[in-house]
Amino acid sequence: MSKNKEEVTQVRERRWRVPNKRARDYANERKAKVHQHGPKEGLELTDYEAGLRSGYLQCQSDHAGAYKYKNALNQGKSKPEATAISRRIGK
């Protein structure tokens, strides 16, 4: 499998964003039901794309809860206290 010289010399960059900013934008797009960024800007979200955004938002919530739980345990809280802290939304 040979590659063009252009393909070999081209530098690839990873596209990433700060997770809370991506989640904020995904939530806004789901509310508006319209793409707000990228080449599809202004087009309506399909059910599949809305589902992807919903899954990402759920994932962010899961990671935040796990982080808060572990952090509370490290601070010496009991498991029931840590569970209550991890389920609280906000600061």
PDB file of N, CA and C in Angstrom:
ATOM      1  N   MET A   1       0.851  -1.179   0.000  1.00  0.00           N
ATOM      2  CA  MET A   1       0.000   0.000   0.000  1.00  0.00           C
ATOM      3  C   MET A   1       0.892   1.235   0.000  1.00  0.00           C
ATOM      4  N   SER A   2       1.036   1.866  -1.135  1.00  0.00           N
ATOM      5  CA  SER A   2       1.885   3.048  -1.228  1.00  0.00           C
ATOM      6  C   SER A   2       1.037   4.304  -1.105  1.00  0.00           C
ATOM      7  N   LYS A   3       1.664   5.335  -0.589  1.00  0.00           N
ATOM      8  CA  LYS A   3       0.969   6.606  -0.409  1.00  0.00           C
ATOM      9  C   LYS A   3       1.615   7.666  -1.293  1.00  0.00           C
ATOM     10  N   ASN A   4       0.828   8.645  -1.660  1.00  0.00           N
ATOM     11  CA  ASN A   4       1.372   9.783  -2.393  1.00  0.00           C
ATOM     12  C   ASN A   4       2.389  10.512  -1.535  1.00  0.00           C
ATOM     13  N   LYS A   5       3.265  11.225  -2.189  1.00  0.00           N
ATOM     14  CA  LYS A   5       4.229  12.028  -1.449  1.00  0.00           C
ATOM     15  C   LYS A   5       3.506  13.104  -0.644  1.00  0.00           C
ATOM     16  N   GLU A   6       2.419  13.657  -1.219  1.00  0.00           N
ATOM     17  CA  GLU A   6       1.642  14.675  -0.507  1.00  0.00           C
ATOM     18  C   GLU A   6       1.058  14.109   0.783  1.00  0.00           C
ATOM     19  N   GLU A   7       0.543  12.883   0.717  1.00  0.00           N
ATOM     20  CA  GLU A   7      -0.068  12.271   1.890  1.00  0.00           C
ATOM     21  C   GLU A   7       0.957  12.037   2.991  1.00  0.00           C
ATOM     22  N   VAL A   8       2.158  11.679   2.617  1.00  0.00           N
ATOM     23  CA  VAL A   8       3.203  11.379   3.593  1.00  0.00           C
ATOM     24  C   VAL A   8       3.704  12.647   4.271  1.00  0.00           C
ATOM     25  N   THR A   9       3.840  13.734   3.523  1.00  0.00           N
ATOM     26  CA  THR A   9       4.396  14.965   4.086  1.00  0.00           C
ATOM     27  C   THR A   9       3.357  15.818   4.795  1.00  0.00           C
ATOM     28  N   GLN A  10       2.073  15.525   4.576  1.00  0.00           N
ATOM     29  CA  GLN A  10       1.025  16.316   5.210  1.00  0.00           C
ATOM     30  C   GLN A  10       1.004  16.042   6.710  1.00  0.00           C
ATOM     31  N   VAL A  11       0.988  17.092   7.510  1.00  0.00           N
ATOM     32  CA  VAL A  11       0.950  16.955   8.957  1.00  0.00           C
ATOM     33  C   VAL A  11      -0.509  16.881   9.390  1.00  0.00           C
ATOM     34  N   ARG A  12      -0.847  15.828  10.119  1.00  0.00           N
ATOM     35  CA  ARG A  12      -2.208  15.679  10.597  1.00  0.00           C
ATOM     36  C   ARG A  12      -2.299  16.229  12.009  1.00  0.00           C
ATOM     37  N   GLU A  13      -3.384  16.918  12.275  1.00  0.00           N
ATOM     38  CA  GLU A  13      -3.593  17.466  13.605  1.00  0.00           C
ATOM     39  C   GLU A  13      -4.872  16.909  14.192  1.00  0.00           C
ATOM     40  N   ARG A  14      -4.837  16.686  15.476  1.00  0.00           N
ATOM     41  CA  ARG A  14      -6.021  16.203  16.183  1.00  0.00           C
ATOM     42  C   ARG A  14      -6.945  17.380  16.453  1.00  0.00           C
ATOM     43  N   ARG A  15      -8.229  17.181  16.181  1.00  0.00           N
ATOM     44  CA  ARG A  15      -9.218  18.216  16.480  1.00  0.00           C
ATOM     45  C   ARG A  15      -9.806  17.904  17.845  1.00  0.00           C
ATOM     46  N   TRP A  16      -9.616  18.792  18.789  1.00  0.00           N
ATOM     47  CA  TRP A  16     -10.158  18.565  20.111  1.00  0.00           C
ATOM     48  C   TRP A  16     -10.629  19.877  20.695  1.00  0.00           C
ATOM     49  N   ARG A  17     -11.464  19.777  21.695  1.00  0.00           N
ATOM     50  CA  ARG A  17     -11.966  20.944  22.395  1.00  0.00           C
ATOM     51  C   ARG A  17     -11.997  20.628  23.879  1.00  0.00           C
ATOM     52  N   VAL A  18     -12.054  21.647  24.680  1.00  0.00           N
ATOM     53  CA  VAL A  18     -12.212  21.464  26.112  1.00  0.00           C
ATOM     54  C   VAL A  18     -13.586  20.805  26.317  1.00  0.00           C
ATOM     55  N   PRO A  19     -13.644  19.684  27.058  1.00  0.00           N
ATOM     56  CA  PRO A  19     -14.900  18.930  27.154  1.00  0.00           C
ATOM     57  C   PRO A  19     -16.115  19.739  27.601  1.00  0.00           C
ATOM     58  N   ASN A  20     -15.955  20.642  28.568  1.00  0.00           N
ATOM     59  CA  ASN A  20     -17.139  21.373  29.023  1.00  0.00           C
ATOM     60  C   ASN A  20     -17.638  22.359  27.960  1.00  0.00           C
ATOM     61  N   LYS A  21     -16.746  22.865  27.119  1.00  0.00           N
ATOM     62  CA  LYS A  21     -17.175  23.771  26.048  1.00  0.00           C
ATOM     63  C   LYS A  21     -17.862  22.993  24.925  1.00  0.00           C
ATOM     64  N   ARG A  22     -17.342  21.798  24.618  1.00  0.00           N
ATOM     65  CA  ARG A  22     -18.005  20.955  23.616  1.00  0.00           C
ATOM     66  C   ARG A  22     -19.396  20.579  24.124  1.00  0.00           C
ATOM     67  N   ALA A  23     -19.505  20.209  25.398  1.00  0.00           N
ATOM     68  CA  ALA A  23     -20.794  19.826  25.970  1.00  0.00           C
ATOM     69  C   ALA A  23     -21.769  21.003  25.933  1.00  0.00           C
ATOM     70  N   ARG A  24     -21.291  22.206  26.245  1.00  0.00           N
ATOM     71  CA  ARG A  24     -22.148  23.398  26.196  1.00  0.00           C
ATOM     72  C   ARG A  24     -22.683  23.610  24.785  1.00  0.00           C
ATOM     73  N   ASP A  25     -21.808  23.504  23.801  1.00  0.00           N
ATOM     74  CA  ASP A  25     -22.224  23.707  22.411  1.00  0.00           C
ATOM     75  C   ASP A  25     -23.175  22.607  21.948  1.00  0.00           C
ATOM     76  N   TYR A  26     -22.917  21.376  22.365  1.00  0.00           N
ATOM     77  CA  TYR A  26     -23.815  20.269  22.011  1.00  0.00           C
ATOM     78  C   TYR A  26     -25.204  20.488  22.613  1.00  0.00           C
ATOM     79  N   ALA A  27     -25.253  20.950  23.870  1.00  0.00           N
ATOM     80  CA  ALA A  27     -26.545  21.211  24.513  1.00  0.00           C
ATOM     81  C   ALA A  27     -27.295  22.309  23.762  1.00  0.00           C
ATOM     82  N   ASN A  28     -26.573  23.362  23.360  1.00  0.00           N
ATOM     83  CA  ASN A  28     -27.208  24.445  22.607  1.00  0.00           C
ATOM     84  C   ASN A  28     -27.721  23.958  21.255  1.00  0.00           C
ATOM     85  N   GLU A  29     -26.948  23.109  20.592  1.00  0.00           N
ATOM     86  CA  GLU A  29     -27.384  22.574  19.299  1.00  0.00           C
ATOM     87  C   GLU A  29     -28.611  21.682  19.455  1.00  0.00           C
ATOM     88  N   ARG A  30     -28.648  20.887  20.520  1.00  0.00           N
ATOM     89  CA  ARG A  30     -29.814  20.024  20.728  1.00  0.00           C
ATOM     90  C   ARG A  30     -31.067  20.855  21.000  1.00  0.00           C
ATOM     91  N   LYS A  31     -30.928  21.943  21.750  1.00  0.00           N
ATOM     92  CA  LYS A  31     -32.081  22.813  22.019  1.00  0.00           C
ATOM     93  C   LYS A  31     -32.570  23.470  20.735  1.00  0.00           C
ATOM     94  N   ALA A  32     -31.634  23.959  19.921  1.00  0.00           N
ATOM     95  CA  ALA A  32     -31.995  24.645  18.678  1.00  0.00           C
ATOM     96  C   ALA A  32     -32.357  23.663  17.557  1.00  0.00           C
ATOM     97  N   LYS A  33     -31.930  22.403  17.690  1.00  0.00           N
ATOM     98  CA  LYS A  33     -32.146  21.354  16.680  1.00  0.00           C
ATOM     99  C   LYS A  33     -31.529  21.722  15.329  1.00  0.00           C
ATOM    100  N   VAL A  34     -30.427  22.491  15.383  1.00  0.00           N
ATOM    101  CA  VAL A  34     -29.740  22.954  14.178  1.00  0.00           C
ATOM    102  C   VAL A  34     -28.236  22.925  14.437  1.00  0.00           C
ATOM    103  N   HIS A  35     -27.459  22.545  13.396  1.00  0.00           N
ATOM    104  CA  HIS A  35     -25.998  22.619  13.497  1.00  0.00           C
ATOM    105  C   HIS A  35     -25.593  24.079  13.661  1.00  0.00           C
ATOM    106  N   GLN A  36     -24.705  24.346  14.609  1.00  0.00           N
ATOM    107  CA  GLN A  36     -24.255  25.721  14.844  1.00  0.00           C
ATOM    108  C   GLN A  36     -22.771  25.911  14.553  1.00  0.00           C
ATOM    109  N   HIS A  37     -22.059  24.833  14.191  1.00  0.00           N
ATOM    110  CA  HIS A  37     -20.631  24.901  13.901  1.00  0.00           C
ATOM    111  C   HIS A  37     -20.308  24.005  12.716  1.00  0.00           C
ATOM    112  N   GLY A  38     -19.232  24.283  12.043  1.00  0.00           N
ATOM    113  CA  GLY A  38     -18.723  23.399  11.007  1.00  0.00           C
ATOM    114  C   GLY A  38     -19.410  23.547   9.659  1.00  0.00           C
ATOM    115  N   PRO A  39     -19.115  22.609   8.755  1.00  0.00           N
ATOM    116  CA  PRO A  39     -19.611  22.711   7.383  1.00  0.00           C
ATOM    117  C   PRO A  39     -21.128  22.550   7.261  1.00  0.00           C
ATOM    118  N   LYS A  40     -21.784  21.946   8.253  1.00  0.00           N
ATOM    119  CA  LYS A  40     -23.232  21.755   8.199  1.00  0.00           C
ATOM    120  C   LYS A  40     -23.996  22.862   8.926  1.00  0.00           C
ATOM    121  N   GLU A  41     -23.323  23.950   9.250  1.00  0.00           N
ATOM    122  CA  GLU A  41     -23.936  25.031  10.013  1.00  0.00           C
ATOM    123  C   GLU A  41     -25.236  25.492   9.358  1.00  0.00           C
ATOM    124  N   GLY A  42     -26.285  25.574  10.164  1.00  0.00           N
ATOM    125  CA  GLY A  42     -27.587  26.005   9.668  1.00  0.00           C
ATOM    126  C   GLY A  42     -28.494  24.866   9.243  1.00  0.00           C
ATOM    127  N   LEU A  43     -27.949  23.668   9.042  1.00  0.00           N
ATOM    128  CA  LEU A  43     -28.771  22.523   8.657  1.00  0.00           C
ATOM    129  C   LEU A  43     -29.381  21.885   9.904  1.00  0.00           C
ATOM    130  N   GLU A  44     -30.541  21.253   9.729  1.00  0.00           N
ATOM    131  CA  GLU A  44     -31.233  20.619  10.835  1.00  0.00           C
ATOM    132  C   GLU A  44     -30.476  19.362  11.289  1.00  0.00           C
ATOM    133  N   LEU A  45     -30.472  19.122  12.609  1.00  0.00           N
ATOM    134  CA  LEU A  45     -29.856  17.913  13.164  1.00  0.00           C
ATOM    135  C   LEU A  45     -30.723  16.709  12.823  1.00  0.00           C
ATOM    136  N   THR A  46     -30.080  15.623  12.421  1.00  0.00           N
ATOM    137  CA  THR A  46     -30.821  14.377  12.227  1.00  0.00           C
ATOM    138  C   THR A  46     -31.004  13.720  13.596  1.00  0.00           C
ATOM    139  N   ASP A  47     -31.869  12.731  13.661  1.00  0.00           N
ATOM    140  CA  ASP A  47     -32.078  12.008  14.916  1.00  0.00           C
ATOM    141  C   ASP A  47     -30.784  11.349  15.379  1.00  0.00           C
ATOM    142  N   TYR A  48     -30.002  10.836  14.428  1.00  0.00           N
ATOM    143  CA  TYR A  48     -28.730  10.190  14.751  1.00  0.00           C
ATOM    144  C   TYR A  48     -27.759  11.195  15.380  1.00  0.00           C
ATOM    145  N   GLU A  49     -27.634  12.367  14.767  1.00  0.00           N
ATOM    146  CA  GLU A  49     -26.705  13.384  15.283  1.00  0.00           C
ATOM    147  C   GLU A  49     -27.149  13.892  16.645  1.00  0.00           C
ATOM    148  N   ALA A  50     -28.442  14.050  16.841  1.00  0.00           N
ATOM    149  CA  ALA A  50     -28.950  14.470  18.149  1.00  0.00           C
ATOM    150  C   ALA A  50     -28.633  13.404  19.198  1.00  0.00           C
ATOM    151  N   GLY A  51     -28.735  12.131  18.803  1.00  0.00           N
ATOM    152  CA  GLY A  51     -28.408  11.039  19.717  1.00  0.00           C
ATOM    153  C   GLY A  51     -26.945  11.023  20.104  1.00  0.00           C
ATOM    154  N   LEU A  52     -26.073  11.322  19.146  1.00  0.00           N
ATOM    155  CA  LEU A  52     -24.638  11.393  19.450  1.00  0.00           C
ATOM    156  C   LEU A  52     -24.360  12.487  20.476  1.00  0.00           C
ATOM    157  N   ARG A  53     -24.982  13.623  20.295  1.00  0.00           N
ATOM    158  CA  ARG A  53     -24.780  14.730  21.229  1.00  0.00           C
ATOM    159  C   ARG A  53     -25.321  14.378  22.611  1.00  0.00           C
ATOM    160  N   SER A  54     -26.462  13.713  22.649  1.00  0.00           N
ATOM    161  CA  SER A  54     -27.050  13.298  23.912  1.00  0.00           C
ATOM    162  C   SER A  54     -26.120  12.326  24.634  1.00  0.00           C
ATOM    163  N   GLY A  55     -25.548  11.374  23.887  1.00  0.00           N
ATOM    164  CA  GLY A  55     -24.617  10.422  24.476  1.00  0.00           C
ATOM    165  C   GLY A  55     -23.385  11.093  25.032  1.00  0.00           C
ATOM    166  N   TYR A  56     -22.884  12.105  24.324  1.00  0.00           N
ATOM    167  CA  TYR A  56     -21.712  12.828  24.801  1.00  0.00           C
ATOM    168  C   TYR A  56     -22.030  13.567  26.091  1.00  0.00           C
ATOM    169  N   LEU A  57     -23.200  14.192  26.154  1.00  0.00           N
ATOM    170  CA  LEU A  57     -23.581  14.928  27.354  1.00  0.00           C
ATOM    171  C   LEU A  57     -23.729  13.975  28.539  1.00  0.00           C
ATOM    172  N   GLN A  58     -24.287  12.790  28.302  1.00  0.00           N
ATOM    173  CA  GLN A  58     -24.428  11.793  29.359  1.00  0.00           C
ATOM    174  C   GLN A  58     -23.050  11.347  29.842  1.00  0.00           C
ATOM    175  N   CYS A  59     -22.123  11.161  28.912  1.00  0.00           N
ATOM    176  CA  CYS A  59     -20.763  10.749  29.241  1.00  0.00           C
ATOM    177  C   CYS A  59     -20.090  11.800  30.128  1.00  0.00           C
ATOM    178  N   GLN A  60     -20.280  13.076  29.794  1.00  0.00           N
ATOM    179  CA  GLN A  60     -19.675  14.143  30.590  1.00  0.00           C
ATOM    180  C   GLN A  60     -20.207  14.107  32.016  1.00  0.00           C
ATOM    181  N   SER A  61     -21.499  13.873  32.148  1.00  0.00           N
ATOM    182  CA  SER A  61     -22.116  13.801  33.465  1.00  0.00           C
ATOM    183  C   SER A  61     -21.556  12.624  34.258  1.00  0.00           C
ATOM    184  N   ASP A  62     -21.381  11.477  33.595  1.00  0.00           N
ATOM    185  CA  ASP A  62     -20.817  10.300  34.254  1.00  0.00           C
ATOM    186  C   ASP A  62     -19.411  10.567  34.763  1.00  0.00           C
ATOM    187  N   HIS A  63     -18.576  11.188  33.925  1.00  0.00           N
ATOM    188  CA  HIS A  63     -17.197  11.475  34.322  1.00  0.00           C
ATOM    189  C   HIS A  63     -17.151  12.472  35.471  1.00  0.00           C
ATOM    190  N   ALA A  64     -18.005  13.459  35.433  1.00  0.00           N
ATOM    191  CA  ALA A  64     -18.032  14.454  36.508  1.00  0.00           C
ATOM    192  C   ALA A  64     -18.439  13.804  37.826  1.00  0.00           C
ATOM    193  N   GLY A  65     -19.441  12.945  37.784  1.00  0.00           N
ATOM    194  CA  GLY A  65     -19.897  12.264  38.997  1.00  0.00           C
ATOM    195  C   GLY A  65     -18.824  11.357  39.580  1.00  0.00           C
ATOM    196  N   ALA A  66     -18.145  10.619  38.721  1.00  0.00           N
ATOM    197  CA  ALA A  66     -17.079   9.733  39.194  1.00  0.00           C
ATOM    198  C   ALA A  66     -15.940  10.538  39.812  1.00  0.00           C
ATOM    199  N   TYR A  67     -15.590  11.655  39.184  1.00  0.00           N
ATOM    200  CA  TYR A  67     -14.518  12.510  39.710  1.00  0.00           C
ATOM    201  C   TYR A  67     -14.898  13.053  41.082  1.00  0.00           C
ATOM    202  N   LYS A  68     -16.127  13.545  41.219  1.00  0.00           N
ATOM    203  CA  LYS A  68     -16.573  14.112  42.491  1.00  0.00           C
ATOM    204  C   LYS A  68     -16.602  13.040  43.586  1.00  0.00           C
ATOM    205  N   TYR A  69     -17.028  11.828  43.227  1.00  0.00           N
ATOM    206  CA  TYR A  69     -17.097  10.725  44.194  1.00  0.00           C
ATOM    207  C   TYR A  69     -15.697  10.389  44.718  1.00  0.00           C
ATOM    208  N   LYS A  70     -14.759  10.184  43.793  1.00  0.00           N
ATOM    209  CA  LYS A  70     -13.391   9.840  44.194  1.00  0.00           C
ATOM    210  C   LYS A  70     -12.746  10.964  44.997  1.00  0.00           C
ATOM    211  N   ASN A  71     -13.003  12.200  44.600  1.00  0.00           N
ATOM    212  CA  ASN A  71     -12.448  13.359  45.292  1.00  0.00           C
ATOM    213  C   ASN A  71     -12.990  13.432  46.723  1.00  0.00           C
ATOM    214  N   ALA A  72     -14.274  13.189  46.899  1.00  0.00           N
ATOM    215  CA  ALA A  72     -14.878  13.220  48.234  1.00  0.00           C
ATOM    216  C   ALA A  72     -14.312  12.110  49.113  1.00  0.00           C
ATOM    217  N   LEU A  73     -14.114  10.907  48.559  1.00  0.00           N
ATOM    218  CA  LEU A  73     -13.521   9.822  49.333  1.00  0.00           C
ATOM    219  C   LEU A  73     -12.097  10.166  49.764  1.00  0.00           C
ATOM    220  N   ASN A  74     -11.344  10.800  48.856  1.00  0.00           N
ATOM    221  CA  ASN A  74      -9.973  11.204  49.188  1.00  0.00           C
ATOM    222  C   ASN A  74      -9.942  12.267  50.278  1.00  0.00           C
ATOM    223  N   GLN A  75     -11.009  13.028  50.416  1.00  0.00           N
ATOM    224  CA  GLN A  75     -11.089  14.051  51.456  1.00  0.00           C
ATOM    225  C   GLN A  75     -11.568  13.478  52.784  1.00  0.00           C
ATOM    226  N   GLY A  76     -11.803  12.168  52.833  1.00  0.00           N
ATOM    227  CA  GLY A  76     -12.176  11.520  54.081  1.00  0.00           C
ATOM    228  C   GLY A  76     -13.674  11.407  54.306  1.00  0.00           C
ATOM    229  N   LYS A  77     -14.487  11.664  53.312  1.00  0.00           N
ATOM    230  CA  LYS A  77     -15.939  11.542  53.458  1.00  0.00           C
ATOM    231  C   LYS A  77     -16.322  10.056  53.445  1.00  0.00           C
ATOM    232  N   SER A  78     -17.473   9.742  54.046  1.00  0.00           N
ATOM    233  CA  SER A  78     -17.970   8.365  54.005  1.00  0.00           C
ATOM    234  C   SER A  78     -18.561   8.085  52.620  1.00  0.00           C
ATOM    235  N   LYS A  79     -18.784   6.811  52.316  1.00  0.00           N
ATOM    236  CA  LYS A  79     -19.334   6.451  51.001  1.00  0.00           C
ATOM    237  C   LYS A  79     -20.718   7.068  50.764  1.00  0.00           C
ATOM    238  N   PRO A  80     -21.623   7.053  51.737  1.00  0.00           N
ATOM    239  CA  PRO A  80     -22.925   7.701  51.490  1.00  0.00           C
ATOM    240  C   PRO A  80     -22.798   9.212  51.256  1.00  0.00           C
ATOM    241  N   GLU A  81     -21.892   9.869  52.008  1.00  0.00           N
ATOM    242  CA  GLU A  81     -21.661  11.306  51.800  1.00  0.00           C
ATOM    243  C   GLU A  81     -21.067  11.560  50.421  1.00  0.00           C
ATOM    244  N   ALA A  82     -20.106  10.726  50.020  1.00  0.00           N
ATOM    245  CA  ALA A  82     -19.471  10.889  48.713  1.00  0.00           C
ATOM    246  C   ALA A  82     -20.488  10.677  47.593  1.00  0.00           C
ATOM    247  N   THR A  83     -21.390   9.714  47.779  1.00  0.00           N
ATOM    248  CA  THR A  83     -22.433   9.470  46.782  1.00  0.00           C
ATOM    249  C   THR A  83     -23.337  10.685  46.651  1.00  0.00           C
ATOM    250  N   ALA A  84     -23.731  11.267  47.782  1.00  0.00           N
ATOM    251  CA  ALA A  84     -24.587  12.454  47.753  1.00  0.00           C
ATOM    252  C   ALA A  84     -23.885  13.613  47.062  1.00  0.00           C
ATOM    253  N   ILE A  85     -22.612  13.791  47.326  1.00  0.00           N
ATOM    254  CA  ILE A  85     -21.846  14.871  46.693  1.00  0.00           C
ATOM    255  C   ILE A  85     -21.734  14.646  45.204  1.00  0.00           C
ATOM    256  N   SER A  86     -21.498  13.403  44.786  1.00  0.00           N
ATOM    257  CA  SER A  86     -21.305  13.118  43.370  1.00  0.00           C
ATOM    258  C   SER A  86     -22.586  13.299  42.556  1.00  0.00           C
ATOM    259  N   ARG A  87     -23.737  13.190  43.193  1.00  0.00           N
ATOM    260  CA  ARG A  87     -25.007  13.331  42.483  1.00  0.00           C
ATOM    261  C   ARG A  87     -25.503  14.763  42.436  1.00  0.00           C
ATOM    262  N   ARG A  88     -24.868  15.641  43.192  1.00  0.00           N
ATOM    263  CA  ARG A  88     -25.256  17.050  43.215  1.00  0.00           C
ATOM    264  C   ARG A  88     -24.737  17.736  41.951  1.00  0.00           C
ATOM    265  N   ILE A  89     -25.590  18.479  41.281  1.00  0.00           N
ATOM    266  CA  ILE A  89     -25.188  19.201  40.080  1.00  0.00           C
ATOM    267  C   ILE A  89     -24.746  20.592  40.480  1.00  0.00           C
ATOM    268  N   GLY A  90     -23.659  21.063  39.899  1.00  0.00           N
ATOM    269  CA  GLY A  90     -23.144  22.386  40.234  1.00  0.00           C
ATOM    270  C   GLY A  90     -22.050  22.296  41.259  1.00  0.00           C
ATOM    271  N   LYS A  91     -21.714  23.422  41.845  1.00  0.00           N
ATOM    272  CA  LYS A  91     -20.607  23.446  42.792  1.00  0.00           C
ATOM    273  C   LYS A  91     -21.028  23.168  44.187  1.00  0.00           C
TER     274      LYS A  91
END
